[in-house]
Amino acid sequence: MPVTMVETGKTVIINRIMGTDEVRQHLSELGFVVGEKITVVSNNGGNVILQVKDARIALDAKMANRVIVA
């Protein structure tokens, strides 16, 4: 399921990153890699703030829908 569907406060593991090579590279540089644990800090209408390692990163709904989690 896309990370936009995860409830606030839940920790999940990234299963897949979808999109073009450029999009996947950009998300990888931000710390979004397969197998990484992320926590949803805020989920506001599809726009999300995620805790990745020691950083909080905001993604718009379009970009967040490309991060598939379990």
C-alpha atoms as a PDB file:
ATOM      1  CA  MET A   1       0.000   0.000   0.000  1.00  0.00           C
ATOM      2  CA  PRO A   2       1.219   3.566  -0.559  1.00  0.00           C
ATOM      3  CA  VAL A   3       2.599   5.394   2.471  1.00  0.00           C
ATOM      4  CA  THR A   4      -0.263   7.926   2.153  1.00  0.00           C
ATOM      5  CA  MET A   5      -2.624   5.233   3.493  1.00  0.00           C
ATOM      6  CA  VAL A   6      -0.626   4.614   6.692  1.00  0.00           C
ATOM      7  CA  GLU A   7      -1.983   6.017   9.959  1.00  0.00           C
ATOM      8  CA  THR A   8      -0.067   8.686  11.849  1.00  0.00           C
ATOM      9  CA  GLY A   9       2.379   7.201  14.345  1.00  0.00           C
ATOM     10  CA  LYS A  10       2.824   3.842  12.614  1.00  0.00           C
ATOM     11  CA  THR A  11       6.229   2.509  11.619  1.00  0.00           C
ATOM     12  CA  VAL A  12       6.405   0.548   8.368  1.00  0.00           C
ATOM     13  CA  ILE A  13       9.049  -0.932   6.073  1.00  0.00           C
ATOM     14  CA  ILE A  14       9.539   0.207   2.480  1.00  0.00           C
ATOM     15  CA  ASN A  15       8.787  -2.614   0.021  1.00  0.00           C
ATOM     16  CA  ARG A  16       9.131  -0.800  -3.296  1.00  0.00           C
ATOM     17  CA  ILE A  17       9.792   2.605  -4.830  1.00  0.00           C
ATOM     18  CA  MET A  18       7.859   3.320  -8.022  1.00  0.00           C
ATOM     19  CA  GLY A  19       8.514   5.899 -10.721  1.00  0.00           C
ATOM     20  CA  THR A  20      11.133   6.858 -13.241  1.00  0.00           C
ATOM     21  CA  ASP A  21      14.838   6.323 -12.612  1.00  0.00           C
ATOM     22  CA  GLU A  22      15.178  10.002 -11.698  1.00  0.00           C
ATOM     23  CA  VAL A  23      12.356   9.827  -9.141  1.00  0.00           C
ATOM     24  CA  ARG A  24      13.716   6.642  -7.560  1.00  0.00           C
ATOM     25  CA  GLN A  25      17.210   8.172  -7.404  1.00  0.00           C
ATOM     26  CA  HIS A  26      15.862  11.342  -5.747  1.00  0.00           C
ATOM     27  CA  LEU A  27      13.936   9.358  -3.115  1.00  0.00           C
ATOM     28  CA  SER A  28      16.973   7.146  -2.533  1.00  0.00           C
ATOM     29  CA  GLU A  29      19.098  10.230  -1.846  1.00  0.00           C
ATOM     30  CA  LEU A  30      16.524  11.289   0.748  1.00  0.00           C
ATOM     31  CA  GLY A  31      16.846   7.901   2.497  1.00  0.00           C
ATOM     32  CA  PHE A  32      13.872   6.083   0.984  1.00  0.00           C
ATOM     33  CA  VAL A  33      15.353   2.691   0.105  1.00  0.00           C
ATOM     34  CA  VAL A  34      13.818  -0.786   0.097  1.00  0.00           C
ATOM     35  CA  GLY A  35      13.991  -2.375   3.547  1.00  0.00           C
ATOM     36  CA  GLU A  36      14.252   0.937   5.423  1.00  0.00           C
ATOM     37  CA  LYS A  37      11.922   1.574   8.384  1.00  0.00           C
ATOM     38  CA  ILE A  38       9.962   4.828   8.237  1.00  0.00           C
ATOM     39  CA  THR A  39       7.492   6.373  10.674  1.00  0.00           C
ATOM     40  CA  VAL A  40       4.531   8.511   9.653  1.00  0.00           C
ATOM     41  CA  VAL A  41       4.746  11.715  11.720  1.00  0.00           C
ATOM     42  CA  SER A  42       1.827  13.483  10.030  1.00  0.00           C
ATOM     43  CA  ASN A  43      -0.621  12.565   7.279  1.00  0.00           C
ATOM     44  CA  ASN A  44      -2.689  15.491   6.066  1.00  0.00           C
ATOM     45  CA  GLY A  45      -4.800  14.794   2.999  1.00  0.00           C
ATOM     46  CA  GLY A  46      -2.138  12.664   1.324  1.00  0.00           C
ATOM     47  CA  ASN A  47       0.726  15.045   2.093  1.00  0.00           C
ATOM     48  CA  VAL A  48       2.922  13.320   4.650  1.00  0.00           C
ATOM     49  CA  ILE A  49       5.806  14.020   6.997  1.00  0.00           C
ATOM     50  CA  LEU A  50       7.973  10.950   7.502  1.00  0.00           C
ATOM     51  CA  GLN A  51      10.729  10.092   9.949  1.00  0.00           C
ATOM     52  CA  VAL A  52      13.552   8.447   7.983  1.00  0.00           C
ATOM     53  CA  LYS A  53      16.628   7.564  10.037  1.00  0.00           C
ATOM     54  CA  ASP A  54      17.363  10.825  11.920  1.00  0.00           C
ATOM     55  CA  ALA A  55      15.520  13.178   9.551  1.00  0.00           C
ATOM     56  CA  ARG A  56      11.950  14.313   9.041  1.00  0.00           C
ATOM     57  CA  ILE A  57      11.016  14.650   5.388  1.00  0.00           C
ATOM     58  CA  ALA A  58       7.817  16.062   3.884  1.00  0.00           C
ATOM     59  CA  LEU A  59       6.477  14.566   0.670  1.00  0.00           C
ATOM     60  CA  ASP A  60       3.508  15.728  -1.367  1.00  0.00           C
ATOM     61  CA  ALA A  61       0.777  13.221  -2.150  1.00  0.00           C
ATOM     62  CA  LYS A  62       2.070  12.511  -5.678  1.00  0.00           C
ATOM     63  CA  MET A  63       5.577  11.632  -4.461  1.00  0.00           C
ATOM     64  CA  ALA A  64       4.374   9.796  -1.343  1.00  0.00           C
ATOM     65  CA  ASN A  65       2.153   7.517  -3.451  1.00  0.00           C
ATOM     66  CA  ARG A  66       5.317   6.182  -5.108  1.00  0.00           C
ATOM     67  CA  VAL A  67       6.601   4.803  -1.777  1.00  0.00           C
ATOM     68  CA  ILE A  68       5.025   1.362  -1.271  1.00  0.00           C
ATOM     69  CA  VAL A  69       5.173  -0.063   2.266  1.00  0.00           C
ATOM     70  CA  ALA A  70       4.160  -3.148   4.221  1.00  0.00           C
END
